[in-house]
Amino acid sequence: PLRVLCGPTGSAKTRVLQALAARGAQVLDLEACARHRGSVLGAWPGVAQPSQTAFETLLAQALEPLDLQRPIFVEAESSRIGRIAVPQPLVQRLRASPCIEIQASPATRLAFLLRDYANLGDDRAALAQQLGTMRELHGAQVITRWQGWAADGALEPLFAELMALHYDPLYARSQSTHLHLWAQRQVVQADTLTPAGIDALAEQVLAVAPEI
């Protein structure tokens, strides 16, 4: 039985998974197996993704010690994590499983992203180049503005617009494709996504999980 953590970009889902694992919950961290955070800017700094075969081996090794009769917490993922394909049976199981949504204000999520993705400012040229891959989605004018912010190291306005114009609309579309499950979701509210706030979120998740 899977319990799928969902929420828009910046909701600290991976950090909540880690806090759940620290509390003895069973966790499957697909992004750790893929060595990638899943988003267009989600490459791990200085770390190459494994081959597809190596990813599936890591996935099998992660599943092996788990008790399949007990709930397993996992983050909602698309069918690809970076260049890695998530096996379709697992994708289908994720989409058919009950979800727990983390809700946080845009300001709270932006503050978290500025902390958790601060490394993107370390190589401004690489960041600008990666943003260029989104030109077909957002047009030359928007991408030029984003690349200018990247070149200046201005992560706050960049991340704010990425959330508003790219990530949040993607998340809204993903919700609309699973409305029958979405209406039954459990919701946990995050007032802050500091380490203490993430610990509190993990406790909330554990509290609502038996109700699903």
N, C-alpha and C. Protein backbone atom coordinates (compact mmCIF):
# COMPACT_ATOMS: atom_id res chain seq x y z
N PRO A 1 0.83 -1.21 0.00
CA PRO A 1 0.00 0.00 0.00
C PRO A 1 0.86 1.26 0.00
N LEU A 2 0.67 2.08 -1.03
CA LEU A 2 1.44 3.31 -1.13
C LEU A 2 0.66 4.47 -0.55
N ARG A 3 1.37 5.42 0.04
CA ARG A 3 0.82 6.70 0.48
C ARG A 3 1.65 7.76 -0.23
N VAL A 4 1.03 8.46 -1.16
CA VAL A 4 1.77 9.32 -2.09
C VAL A 4 1.74 10.76 -1.60
N LEU A 5 2.93 11.30 -1.35
CA LEU A 5 3.04 12.71 -0.97
C LEU A 5 3.00 13.57 -2.22
N CYS A 6 2.10 14.52 -2.25
CA CYS A 6 2.02 15.43 -3.39
C CYS A 6 1.98 16.87 -2.89
N GLY A 7 2.15 17.77 -3.82
CA GLY A 7 2.19 19.19 -3.49
C GLY A 7 3.01 19.89 -4.56
N PRO A 8 2.77 21.18 -4.77
CA PRO A 8 3.51 21.90 -5.80
C PRO A 8 4.99 22.01 -5.47
N THR A 9 5.77 22.34 -6.49
CA THR A 9 7.21 22.52 -6.30
C THR A 9 7.48 23.48 -5.15
N GLY A 10 8.43 23.10 -4.31
CA GLY A 10 8.77 23.92 -3.14
C GLY A 10 8.04 23.51 -1.89
N SER A 11 7.30 22.39 -1.94
CA SER A 11 6.56 21.93 -0.76
C SER A 11 7.40 21.04 0.15
N ALA A 12 8.65 20.83 -0.17
CA ALA A 12 9.60 20.07 0.67
C ALA A 12 9.22 18.60 0.78
N LYS A 13 8.66 18.04 -0.29
CA LYS A 13 8.20 16.65 -0.23
C LYS A 13 9.34 15.68 0.07
N THR A 14 10.48 15.87 -0.59
CA THR A 14 11.61 14.95 -0.34
C THR A 14 12.10 15.09 1.09
N ARG A 15 12.15 16.30 1.60
CA ARG A 15 12.60 16.50 2.99
C ARG A 15 11.61 15.87 3.97
N VAL A 16 10.33 15.93 3.65
CA VAL A 16 9.33 15.28 4.51
C VAL A 16 9.52 13.77 4.48
N LEU A 17 9.78 13.21 3.30
CA LEU A 17 10.07 11.78 3.22
C LEU A 17 11.23 11.41 4.13
N GLN A 18 12.29 12.22 4.10
CA GLN A 18 13.45 11.94 4.95
C GLN A 18 13.09 12.01 6.42
N ALA A 19 12.24 12.97 6.79
CA ALA A 19 11.79 13.08 8.18
C ALA A 19 10.91 11.89 8.57
N LEU A 20 10.11 11.39 7.64
CA LEU A 20 9.30 10.20 7.91
C LEU A 20 10.20 8.99 8.14
N ALA A 21 11.23 8.84 7.30
CA ALA A 21 12.15 7.72 7.46
C ALA A 21 12.84 7.78 8.82
N ALA A 22 13.19 8.99 9.26
CA ALA A 22 13.83 9.15 10.56
C ALA A 22 12.91 8.75 11.71
N ARG A 23 11.62 8.74 11.45
CA ARG A 23 10.63 8.34 12.46
C ARG A 23 10.22 6.88 12.34
N GLY A 24 10.91 6.13 11.51
CA GLY A 24 10.66 4.71 11.40
C GLY A 24 9.64 4.33 10.35
N ALA A 25 9.12 5.30 9.61
CA ALA A 25 8.17 4.98 8.54
C ALA A 25 8.91 4.35 7.36
N GLN A 26 8.19 3.56 6.59
CA GLN A 26 8.75 2.98 5.37
C GLN A 26 8.68 3.99 4.25
N VAL A 27 9.80 4.23 3.59
CA VAL A 27 9.90 5.28 2.57
C VAL A 27 10.58 4.71 1.34
N LEU A 28 10.04 5.06 0.18
CA LEU A 28 10.69 4.76 -1.10
C LEU A 28 11.05 6.09 -1.75
N ASP A 29 12.35 6.40 -1.83
CA ASP A 29 12.81 7.68 -2.36
C ASP A 29 13.27 7.47 -3.81
N LEU A 30 12.36 7.71 -4.74
CA LEU A 30 12.66 7.49 -6.16
C LEU A 30 13.72 8.46 -6.66
N GLU A 31 13.70 9.69 -6.15
CA GLU A 31 14.68 10.68 -6.61
C GLU A 31 16.09 10.30 -6.16
N ALA A 32 16.20 9.69 -4.99
CA ALA A 32 17.52 9.24 -4.54
C ALA A 32 18.03 8.12 -5.45
N CYS A 33 17.14 7.22 -5.86
CA CYS A 33 17.55 6.15 -6.79
C CYS A 33 17.96 6.73 -8.14
N ALA A 34 17.26 7.78 -8.58
CA ALA A 34 17.53 8.38 -9.89
C ALA A 34 18.64 9.42 -9.84
N ARG A 35 19.08 9.79 -8.65
CA ARG A 35 20.10 10.84 -8.49
C ARG A 35 19.67 12.13 -9.20
N HIS A 36 18.43 12.51 -8.98
CA HIS A 36 17.87 13.68 -9.66
C HIS A 36 16.63 14.11 -8.91
N ARG A 37 16.34 15.42 -8.90
CA ARG A 37 15.20 15.92 -8.14
C ARG A 37 13.91 16.02 -8.96
N GLY A 38 13.99 15.58 -10.20
CA GLY A 38 12.77 15.44 -10.97
C GLY A 38 12.37 16.62 -11.82
N SER A 39 12.71 17.82 -11.43
CA SER A 39 12.29 19.01 -12.18
C SER A 39 13.33 19.35 -13.24
N VAL A 40 12.99 20.33 -14.08
CA VAL A 40 13.91 20.72 -15.16
C VAL A 40 15.23 21.24 -14.61
N LEU A 41 15.22 21.75 -13.38
CA LEU A 41 16.44 22.25 -12.75
C LEU A 41 16.90 21.30 -11.63
N GLY A 42 16.51 20.03 -11.73
CA GLY A 42 16.69 19.12 -10.61
C GLY A 42 17.95 18.27 -10.62
N ALA A 43 18.90 18.54 -11.51
CA ALA A 43 20.13 17.74 -11.53
C ALA A 43 20.88 17.91 -10.21
N TRP A 44 21.42 16.82 -9.70
CA TRP A 44 22.27 16.89 -8.51
C TRP A 44 23.62 17.48 -8.91
N PRO A 45 24.08 18.50 -8.20
CA PRO A 45 25.35 19.12 -8.60
C PRO A 45 26.51 18.14 -8.53
N GLY A 46 27.18 17.99 -9.68
CA GLY A 46 28.36 17.15 -9.74
C GLY A 46 28.10 15.66 -9.71
N VAL A 47 26.83 15.26 -9.84
CA VAL A 47 26.48 13.83 -9.76
C VAL A 47 25.75 13.43 -11.03
N ALA A 48 26.27 12.42 -11.72
CA ALA A 48 25.62 11.92 -12.93
C ALA A 48 24.49 10.96 -12.56
N GLN A 49 23.45 10.93 -13.37
CA GLN A 49 22.39 9.95 -13.15
C GLN A 49 22.89 8.55 -13.52
N PRO A 50 22.35 7.52 -12.86
CA PRO A 50 22.73 6.16 -13.23
C PRO A 50 22.13 5.78 -14.58
N SER A 51 22.58 4.67 -15.13
CA SER A 51 21.92 4.13 -16.31
C SER A 51 20.52 3.65 -15.93
N GLN A 52 19.69 3.41 -16.93
CA GLN A 52 18.34 2.90 -16.66
C GLN A 52 18.40 1.58 -15.89
N THR A 53 19.29 0.69 -16.31
CA THR A 53 19.42 -0.61 -15.64
C THR A 53 19.88 -0.43 -14.20
N ALA A 54 20.85 0.47 -13.99
CA ALA A 54 21.34 0.69 -12.63
C ALA A 54 20.26 1.30 -11.75
N PHE A 55 19.46 2.20 -12.32
CA PHE A 55 18.34 2.76 -11.57
C PHE A 55 17.37 1.67 -11.12
N GLU A 56 17.03 0.77 -12.02
CA GLU A 56 16.07 -0.28 -11.68
C GLU A 56 16.66 -1.24 -10.65
N THR A 57 17.96 -1.44 -10.70
CA THR A 57 18.62 -2.24 -9.66
C THR A 57 18.54 -1.54 -8.31
N LEU A 58 18.82 -0.24 -8.29
CA LEU A 58 18.72 0.53 -7.04
C LEU A 58 17.29 0.51 -6.51
N LEU A 59 16.32 0.59 -7.41
CA LEU A 59 14.92 0.55 -7.02
C LEU A 59 14.58 -0.79 -6.37
N ALA A 60 15.03 -1.88 -6.99
CA ALA A 60 14.79 -3.21 -6.43
C ALA A 60 15.44 -3.36 -5.06
N GLN A 61 16.65 -2.82 -4.93
CA GLN A 61 17.36 -2.91 -3.64
C GLN A 61 16.64 -2.09 -2.56
N ALA A 62 16.04 -0.96 -2.97
CA ALA A 62 15.31 -0.13 -2.01
C ALA A 62 14.03 -0.82 -1.54
N LEU A 63 13.40 -1.57 -2.44
CA LEU A 63 12.14 -2.26 -2.11
C LEU A 63 12.36 -3.53 -1.30
N GLU A 64 13.50 -4.17 -1.49
CA GLU A 64 13.72 -5.50 -0.93
C GLU A 64 13.51 -5.58 0.59
N PRO A 65 14.02 -4.62 1.39
CA PRO A 65 13.85 -4.77 2.84
C PRO A 65 12.49 -4.32 3.36
N LEU A 66 11.63 -3.77 2.51
CA LEU A 66 10.37 -3.21 2.98
C LEU A 66 9.32 -4.30 3.21
N ASP A 67 8.49 -4.08 4.21
CA ASP A 67 7.36 -4.95 4.50
C ASP A 67 6.21 -4.50 3.60
N LEU A 68 5.87 -5.31 2.62
CA LEU A 68 4.88 -4.90 1.62
C LEU A 68 3.45 -4.94 2.15
N GLN A 69 3.27 -5.37 3.40
CA GLN A 69 1.95 -5.30 4.02
C GLN A 69 1.73 -3.98 4.74
N ARG A 70 2.79 -3.24 4.98
CA ARG A 70 2.71 -1.95 5.67
C ARG A 70 2.77 -0.82 4.66
N PRO A 71 2.17 0.34 4.99
CA PRO A 71 2.23 1.48 4.05
C PRO A 71 3.66 1.91 3.74
N ILE A 72 3.86 2.31 2.50
CA ILE A 72 5.13 2.85 2.04
C ILE A 72 4.88 4.27 1.54
N PHE A 73 5.59 5.22 2.11
CA PHE A 73 5.46 6.61 1.70
C PHE A 73 6.38 6.88 0.52
N VAL A 74 5.84 7.55 -0.49
CA VAL A 74 6.59 7.83 -1.71
C VAL A 74 6.12 9.16 -2.26
N GLU A 75 7.01 9.85 -2.94
CA GLU A 75 6.66 11.15 -3.52
C GLU A 75 6.01 10.96 -4.88
N ALA A 76 5.02 11.78 -5.18
CA ALA A 76 4.41 11.76 -6.51
C ALA A 76 5.47 12.14 -7.54
N GLU A 77 5.57 11.34 -8.58
CA GLU A 77 6.55 11.59 -9.64
C GLU A 77 5.87 11.42 -10.99
N SER A 78 6.43 12.08 -11.99
CA SER A 78 5.98 11.84 -13.35
C SER A 78 6.64 10.56 -13.85
N SER A 79 6.43 10.23 -15.11
CA SER A 79 6.97 8.99 -15.65
C SER A 79 8.48 9.07 -15.92
N ARG A 80 9.05 10.28 -15.81
CA ARG A 80 10.48 10.44 -15.97
C ARG A 80 11.05 11.27 -14.83
N ILE A 81 12.22 10.86 -14.36
CA ILE A 81 12.96 11.64 -13.37
C ILE A 81 14.29 11.99 -14.03
N GLY A 82 14.41 13.22 -14.51
CA GLY A 82 15.55 13.53 -15.35
C GLY A 82 15.45 12.70 -16.63
N ARG A 83 16.50 11.95 -16.94
CA ARG A 83 16.46 11.12 -18.15
C ARG A 83 16.07 9.67 -17.83
N ILE A 84 15.75 9.39 -16.57
CA ILE A 84 15.40 8.03 -16.15
C ILE A 84 13.89 7.83 -16.29
N ALA A 85 13.49 6.68 -16.84
CA ALA A 85 12.08 6.32 -16.95
C ALA A 85 11.67 5.50 -15.74
N VAL A 86 10.62 5.93 -15.07
CA VAL A 86 10.07 5.15 -13.96
C VAL A 86 9.27 3.99 -14.57
N PRO A 87 9.48 2.76 -14.12
CA PRO A 87 8.74 1.64 -14.69
C PRO A 87 7.23 1.89 -14.67
N GLN A 88 6.58 1.60 -15.78
CA GLN A 88 5.16 1.92 -15.92
C GLN A 88 4.27 1.28 -14.86
N PRO A 89 4.50 0.03 -14.45
CA PRO A 89 3.64 -0.51 -13.39
C PRO A 89 3.70 0.33 -12.10
N LEU A 90 4.88 0.87 -11.79
CA LEU A 90 5.00 1.71 -10.61
C LEU A 90 4.31 3.05 -10.83
N VAL A 91 4.46 3.64 -12.02
CA VAL A 91 3.77 4.89 -12.33
C VAL A 91 2.27 4.71 -12.17
N GLN A 92 1.74 3.62 -12.70
CA GLN A 92 0.31 3.37 -12.60
C GLN A 92 -0.13 3.18 -11.16
N ARG A 93 0.72 2.52 -10.38
CA ARG A 93 0.39 2.31 -8.96
C ARG A 93 0.40 3.64 -8.21
N LEU A 94 1.36 4.49 -8.52
CA LEU A 94 1.41 5.82 -7.89
C LEU A 94 0.12 6.59 -8.18
N ARG A 95 -0.31 6.55 -9.43
CA ARG A 95 -1.47 7.34 -9.84
C ARG A 95 -2.78 6.76 -9.31
N ALA A 96 -2.76 5.50 -8.91
CA ALA A 96 -3.97 4.86 -8.39
C ALA A 96 -4.02 4.83 -6.87
N SER A 97 -2.98 5.37 -6.21
CA SER A 97 -2.89 5.28 -4.75
C SER A 97 -3.37 6.57 -4.09
N PRO A 98 -3.84 6.47 -2.85
CA PRO A 98 -4.29 7.67 -2.14
C PRO A 98 -3.14 8.62 -1.87
N CYS A 99 -3.46 9.92 -1.86
CA CYS A 99 -2.40 10.91 -1.71
C CYS A 99 -2.63 11.81 -0.50
N ILE A 100 -1.55 12.33 -0.02
CA ILE A 100 -1.52 13.30 1.07
C ILE A 100 -0.89 14.56 0.50
N GLU A 101 -1.64 15.65 0.45
CA GLU A 101 -1.14 16.87 -0.17
C GLU A 101 -0.58 17.82 0.87
N ILE A 102 0.63 18.30 0.60
CA ILE A 102 1.24 19.35 1.43
C ILE A 102 0.83 20.69 0.85
N GLN A 103 0.19 21.50 1.66
CA GLN A 103 -0.21 22.84 1.25
C GLN A 103 0.63 23.88 1.99
N ALA A 104 1.20 24.80 1.23
CA ALA A 104 2.00 25.88 1.80
C ALA A 104 1.82 27.10 0.91
N SER A 105 1.94 28.27 1.49
CA SER A 105 1.77 29.50 0.71
C SER A 105 2.92 29.66 -0.28
N PRO A 106 2.70 30.42 -1.36
CA PRO A 106 3.80 30.67 -2.29
C PRO A 106 5.03 31.28 -1.60
N ALA A 107 4.81 32.17 -0.64
CA ALA A 107 5.95 32.79 0.05
C ALA A 107 6.74 31.76 0.85
N THR A 108 6.03 30.84 1.50
CA THR A 108 6.69 29.79 2.26
C THR A 108 7.48 28.87 1.35
N ARG A 109 6.88 28.51 0.22
CA ARG A 109 7.57 27.64 -0.73
C ARG A 109 8.77 28.33 -1.35
N LEU A 110 8.64 29.62 -1.67
CA LEU A 110 9.76 30.36 -2.25
C LEU A 110 10.93 30.42 -1.28
N ALA A 111 10.64 30.67 -0.02
CA ALA A 111 11.71 30.72 0.99
C ALA A 111 12.42 29.37 1.08
N PHE A 112 11.66 28.28 1.00
CA PHE A 112 12.27 26.95 1.03
C PHE A 112 13.15 26.73 -0.20
N LEU A 113 12.64 27.07 -1.39
CA LEU A 113 13.43 26.86 -2.61
C LEU A 113 14.72 27.66 -2.60
N LEU A 114 14.67 28.87 -2.07
CA LEU A 114 15.89 29.69 -2.03
C LEU A 114 16.95 29.06 -1.13
N ARG A 115 16.51 28.31 -0.13
CA ARG A 115 17.47 27.58 0.71
C ARG A 115 17.90 26.28 0.06
N ASP A 116 16.94 25.51 -0.45
CA ASP A 116 17.22 24.15 -0.89
C ASP A 116 17.88 24.09 -2.27
N TYR A 117 17.66 25.12 -3.08
CA TYR A 117 18.24 25.15 -4.43
C TYR A 117 19.28 26.28 -4.56
N ALA A 118 19.83 26.71 -3.44
CA ALA A 118 20.80 27.80 -3.48
C ALA A 118 22.00 27.47 -4.37
N ASN A 119 22.31 26.17 -4.50
CA ASN A 119 23.46 25.76 -5.31
C ASN A 119 23.31 26.15 -6.78
N LEU A 120 22.08 26.41 -7.24
CA LEU A 120 21.90 26.78 -8.64
C LEU A 120 22.57 28.11 -8.96
N GLY A 121 22.78 28.93 -7.93
CA GLY A 121 23.47 30.19 -8.15
C GLY A 121 24.97 30.06 -8.26
N ASP A 122 25.48 28.85 -8.02
CA ASP A 122 26.93 28.65 -8.05
C ASP A 122 27.49 28.66 -9.47
N ASP A 123 26.70 28.19 -10.42
CA ASP A 123 27.14 28.18 -11.83
C ASP A 123 26.05 28.89 -12.64
N ARG A 124 26.18 30.19 -12.73
CA ARG A 124 25.13 31.00 -13.35
C ARG A 124 24.99 30.70 -14.84
N ALA A 125 26.10 30.45 -15.52
CA ALA A 125 26.05 30.16 -16.95
C ALA A 125 25.30 28.85 -17.21
N ALA A 126 25.56 27.85 -16.38
CA ALA A 126 24.87 26.56 -16.55
C ALA A 126 23.38 26.71 -16.28
N LEU A 127 23.03 27.53 -15.28
CA LEU A 127 21.62 27.76 -14.98
C LEU A 127 20.93 28.44 -16.15
N ALA A 128 21.57 29.47 -16.70
CA ALA A 128 20.98 30.17 -17.85
C ALA A 128 20.82 29.23 -19.04
N GLN A 129 21.80 28.37 -19.27
CA GLN A 129 21.72 27.42 -20.38
C GLN A 129 20.55 26.46 -20.18
N GLN A 130 20.37 25.97 -18.96
CA GLN A 130 19.28 25.04 -18.68
C GLN A 130 17.92 25.71 -18.87
N LEU A 131 17.81 26.96 -18.48
CA LEU A 131 16.56 27.70 -18.68
C LEU A 131 16.25 27.83 -20.16
N GLY A 132 17.29 27.89 -20.99
CA GLY A 132 17.09 28.01 -22.43
C GLY A 132 16.35 26.82 -23.03
N THR A 133 16.39 25.67 -22.36
CA THR A 133 15.70 24.49 -22.88
C THR A 133 14.18 24.63 -22.78
N MET A 134 13.71 25.66 -22.07
CA MET A 134 12.28 25.87 -21.87
C MET A 134 11.72 26.93 -22.82
N ARG A 135 12.52 27.32 -23.82
CA ARG A 135 12.13 28.42 -24.71
C ARG A 135 10.83 28.12 -25.46
N GLU A 136 10.65 26.89 -25.92
CA GLU A 136 9.44 26.55 -26.66
C GLU A 136 8.20 26.64 -25.78
N LEU A 137 8.36 26.39 -24.50
CA LEU A 137 7.23 26.43 -23.58
C LEU A 137 6.83 27.85 -23.22
N HIS A 138 7.81 28.74 -23.07
CA HIS A 138 7.53 30.05 -22.49
C HIS A 138 7.87 31.24 -23.39
N GLY A 139 8.51 31.01 -24.52
CA GLY A 139 8.79 32.09 -25.44
C GLY A 139 10.08 32.82 -25.13
N ALA A 140 10.59 33.49 -26.14
CA ALA A 140 11.90 34.13 -26.05
C ALA A 140 11.93 35.24 -25.01
N GLN A 141 10.86 36.03 -24.91
CA GLN A 141 10.88 37.17 -23.99
C GLN A 141 11.00 36.73 -22.54
N VAL A 142 10.21 35.74 -22.15
CA VAL A 142 10.26 35.24 -20.78
C VAL A 142 11.61 34.60 -20.49
N ILE A 143 12.08 33.76 -21.40
CA ILE A 143 13.34 33.06 -21.16
C ILE A 143 14.50 34.05 -21.09
N THR A 144 14.48 35.08 -21.92
CA THR A 144 15.54 36.09 -21.85
C THR A 144 15.54 36.77 -20.49
N ARG A 145 14.36 37.07 -19.97
CA ARG A 145 14.27 37.68 -18.63
C ARG A 145 14.83 36.73 -17.58
N TRP A 146 14.44 35.45 -17.65
CA TRP A 146 14.92 34.48 -16.67
C TRP A 146 16.43 34.29 -16.77
N GLN A 147 16.94 34.26 -18.00
CA GLN A 147 18.39 34.09 -18.15
C GLN A 147 19.15 35.30 -17.63
N GLY A 148 18.55 36.48 -17.76
CA GLY A 148 19.18 37.67 -17.20
C GLY A 148 19.27 37.58 -15.68
N TRP A 149 18.19 37.14 -15.05
CA TRP A 149 18.22 36.96 -13.60
C TRP A 149 19.24 35.90 -13.20
N ALA A 150 19.30 34.81 -13.98
CA ALA A 150 20.28 33.76 -13.68
C ALA A 150 21.70 34.32 -13.77
N ALA A 151 21.98 35.10 -14.80
CA ALA A 151 23.32 35.67 -14.97
C ALA A 151 23.68 36.61 -13.82
N ASP A 152 22.67 37.28 -13.27
CA ASP A 152 22.90 38.21 -12.15
C ASP A 152 22.87 37.52 -10.79
N GLY A 153 22.54 36.22 -10.77
CA GLY A 153 22.41 35.52 -9.49
C GLY A 153 21.16 35.93 -8.72
N ALA A 154 20.18 36.47 -9.43
CA ALA A 154 18.94 36.95 -8.79
C ALA A 154 17.95 35.79 -8.70
N LEU A 155 18.16 34.90 -7.74
CA LEU A 155 17.35 33.69 -7.66
C LEU A 155 15.94 33.96 -7.16
N GLU A 156 15.74 34.97 -6.34
CA GLU A 156 14.40 35.18 -5.77
C GLU A 156 13.36 35.50 -6.84
N PRO A 157 13.57 36.52 -7.70
CA PRO A 157 12.56 36.76 -8.74
C PRO A 157 12.49 35.61 -9.74
N LEU A 158 13.62 34.96 -10.01
CA LEU A 158 13.63 33.83 -10.95
C LEU A 158 12.77 32.70 -10.41
N PHE A 159 12.99 32.30 -9.18
CA PHE A 159 12.23 31.18 -8.62
C PHE A 159 10.76 31.54 -8.48
N ALA A 160 10.46 32.79 -8.15
CA ALA A 160 9.07 33.21 -8.00
C ALA A 160 8.32 33.06 -9.32
N GLU A 161 8.95 33.48 -10.42
CA GLU A 161 8.29 33.36 -11.72
C GLU A 161 8.25 31.91 -12.22
N LEU A 162 9.29 31.15 -11.93
CA LEU A 162 9.26 29.74 -12.31
C LEU A 162 8.09 29.03 -11.63
N MET A 163 7.86 29.34 -10.36
CA MET A 163 6.72 28.77 -9.65
C MET A 163 5.41 29.19 -10.31
N ALA A 164 5.26 30.49 -10.52
CA ALA A 164 3.97 31.03 -10.97
C ALA A 164 3.67 30.65 -12.42
N LEU A 165 4.69 30.65 -13.28
CA LEU A 165 4.45 30.47 -14.72
C LEU A 165 4.72 29.05 -15.22
N HIS A 166 5.50 28.29 -14.48
CA HIS A 166 5.87 26.95 -14.98
C HIS A 166 5.40 25.84 -14.05
N TYR A 167 5.92 25.81 -12.83
CA TYR A 167 5.67 24.65 -11.97
C TYR A 167 4.23 24.56 -11.47
N ASP A 168 3.66 25.67 -11.02
CA ASP A 168 2.30 25.60 -10.49
C ASP A 168 1.27 25.24 -11.57
N PRO A 169 1.35 25.79 -12.78
CA PRO A 169 0.42 25.33 -13.83
C PRO A 169 0.58 23.85 -14.15
N LEU A 170 1.83 23.34 -14.16
CA LEU A 170 2.04 21.91 -14.38
C LEU A 170 1.35 21.09 -13.30
N TYR A 171 1.49 21.54 -12.07
CA TYR A 171 0.89 20.83 -10.94
C TYR A 171 -0.63 20.84 -11.05
N ALA A 172 -1.19 21.99 -11.43
CA ALA A 172 -2.64 22.09 -11.58
C ALA A 172 -3.15 21.12 -12.65
N ARG A 173 -2.39 21.00 -13.75
CA ARG A 173 -2.81 20.08 -14.80
C ARG A 173 -2.74 18.63 -14.33
N SER A 174 -1.72 18.30 -13.54
CA SER A 174 -1.60 16.93 -13.05
C SER A 174 -2.76 16.59 -12.12
N GLN A 175 -3.20 17.56 -11.31
CA GLN A 175 -4.35 17.33 -10.43
C GLN A 175 -5.59 17.01 -11.25
N SER A 176 -5.79 17.75 -12.33
CA SER A 176 -7.04 17.63 -13.09
C SER A 176 -7.17 16.28 -13.78
N THR A 177 -6.07 15.55 -13.93
CA THR A 177 -6.14 14.25 -14.59
C THR A 177 -6.49 13.12 -13.63
N HIS A 178 -6.51 13.42 -12.34
CA HIS A 178 -6.79 12.38 -11.34
C HIS A 178 -7.83 12.87 -10.34
N LEU A 179 -8.92 13.45 -10.86
CA LEU A 179 -9.89 14.10 -9.99
C LEU A 179 -10.57 13.13 -9.04
N HIS A 180 -10.78 11.88 -9.47
CA HIS A 180 -11.50 10.94 -8.61
C HIS A 180 -10.72 10.65 -7.33
N LEU A 181 -9.39 10.59 -7.42
CA LEU A 181 -8.57 10.41 -6.22
C LEU A 181 -8.32 11.73 -5.51
N TRP A 182 -8.23 12.80 -6.31
CA TRP A 182 -7.89 14.09 -5.73
C TRP A 182 -8.93 14.54 -4.71
N ALA A 183 -10.19 14.25 -4.98
CA ALA A 183 -11.25 14.67 -4.07
C ALA A 183 -11.15 13.97 -2.72
N GLN A 184 -10.45 12.82 -2.68
CA GLN A 184 -10.36 12.05 -1.44
C GLN A 184 -9.04 12.28 -0.71
N ARG A 185 -8.24 13.20 -1.19
CA ARG A 185 -6.91 13.37 -0.60
C ARG A 185 -6.99 13.89 0.84
N GLN A 186 -5.98 13.55 1.60
CA GLN A 186 -5.78 14.16 2.92
C GLN A 186 -4.86 15.37 2.74
N VAL A 187 -5.09 16.39 3.53
CA VAL A 187 -4.31 17.63 3.40
C VAL A 187 -3.58 17.91 4.71
N VAL A 188 -2.30 18.27 4.59
CA VAL A 188 -1.53 18.75 5.74
C VAL A 188 -1.05 20.16 5.41
N GLN A 189 -1.09 21.01 6.39
CA GLN A 189 -0.80 22.44 6.17
C GLN A 189 0.57 22.78 6.73
N ALA A 190 1.36 23.48 5.93
CA ALA A 190 2.70 23.89 6.36
C ALA A 190 2.73 25.41 6.54
N ASP A 191 2.94 25.87 7.75
CA ASP A 191 3.10 27.30 7.99
C ASP A 191 4.53 27.74 7.74
N THR A 192 5.46 26.81 7.86
CA THR A 192 6.87 27.09 7.60
C THR A 192 7.52 25.81 7.11
N LEU A 193 8.56 25.94 6.31
CA LEU A 193 9.28 24.78 5.80
C LEU A 193 10.74 24.82 6.25
N THR A 194 10.94 25.36 7.44
CA THR A 194 12.23 25.25 8.11
C THR A 194 12.40 23.79 8.55
N PRO A 195 13.58 23.38 9.01
CA PRO A 195 13.73 22.01 9.51
C PRO A 195 12.69 21.64 10.58
N ALA A 196 12.41 22.56 11.49
CA ALA A 196 11.40 22.28 12.52
C ALA A 196 10.02 22.15 11.89
N GLY A 197 9.73 22.98 10.90
CA GLY A 197 8.45 22.90 10.22
C GLY A 197 8.29 21.59 9.45
N ILE A 198 9.38 21.12 8.86
CA ILE A 198 9.34 19.85 8.13
C ILE A 198 9.12 18.69 9.09
N ASP A 199 9.74 18.73 10.27
CA ASP A 199 9.49 17.71 11.28
C ASP A 199 8.02 17.71 11.69
N ALA A 200 7.45 18.89 11.85
CA ALA A 200 6.03 18.98 12.22
C ALA A 200 5.15 18.43 11.10
N LEU A 201 5.52 18.68 9.86
CA LEU A 201 4.77 18.13 8.73
C LEU A 201 4.79 16.61 8.73
N ALA A 202 5.95 16.04 9.01
CA ALA A 202 6.06 14.57 9.06
C ALA A 202 5.11 14.00 10.11
N GLU A 203 5.02 14.67 11.24
CA GLU A 203 4.09 14.22 12.28
C GLU A 203 2.64 14.31 11.79
N GLN A 204 2.32 15.38 11.08
CA GLN A 204 0.97 15.51 10.52
C GLN A 204 0.67 14.38 9.52
N VAL A 205 1.64 14.09 8.68
CA VAL A 205 1.46 13.04 7.68
C VAL A 205 1.19 11.70 8.37
N LEU A 206 1.96 11.39 9.38
CA LEU A 206 1.76 10.13 10.11
C LEU A 206 0.39 10.10 10.78
N ALA A 207 -0.09 11.26 11.20
CA ALA A 207 -1.38 11.33 11.88
C ALA A 207 -2.54 11.06 10.93
N VAL A 208 -2.43 11.53 9.69
CA VAL A 208 -3.56 11.37 8.75
C VAL A 208 -3.45 10.08 7.94
N ALA A 209 -2.27 9.48 7.85
CA ALA A 209 -2.08 8.29 6.99
C ALA A 209 -3.04 7.15 7.35
N PRO A 210 -3.29 6.85 8.64
CA PRO A 210 -4.21 5.75 8.93
C PRO A 210 -5.64 6.00 8.47
N GLU A 211 -5.99 7.25 8.20
CA GLU A 211 -7.35 7.58 7.80
C GLU A 211 -7.60 7.29 6.32
N ILE A 212 -6.55 7.03 5.57
CA ILE A 212 -6.70 6.81 4.12
C ILE A 212 -7.11 5.36 3.86
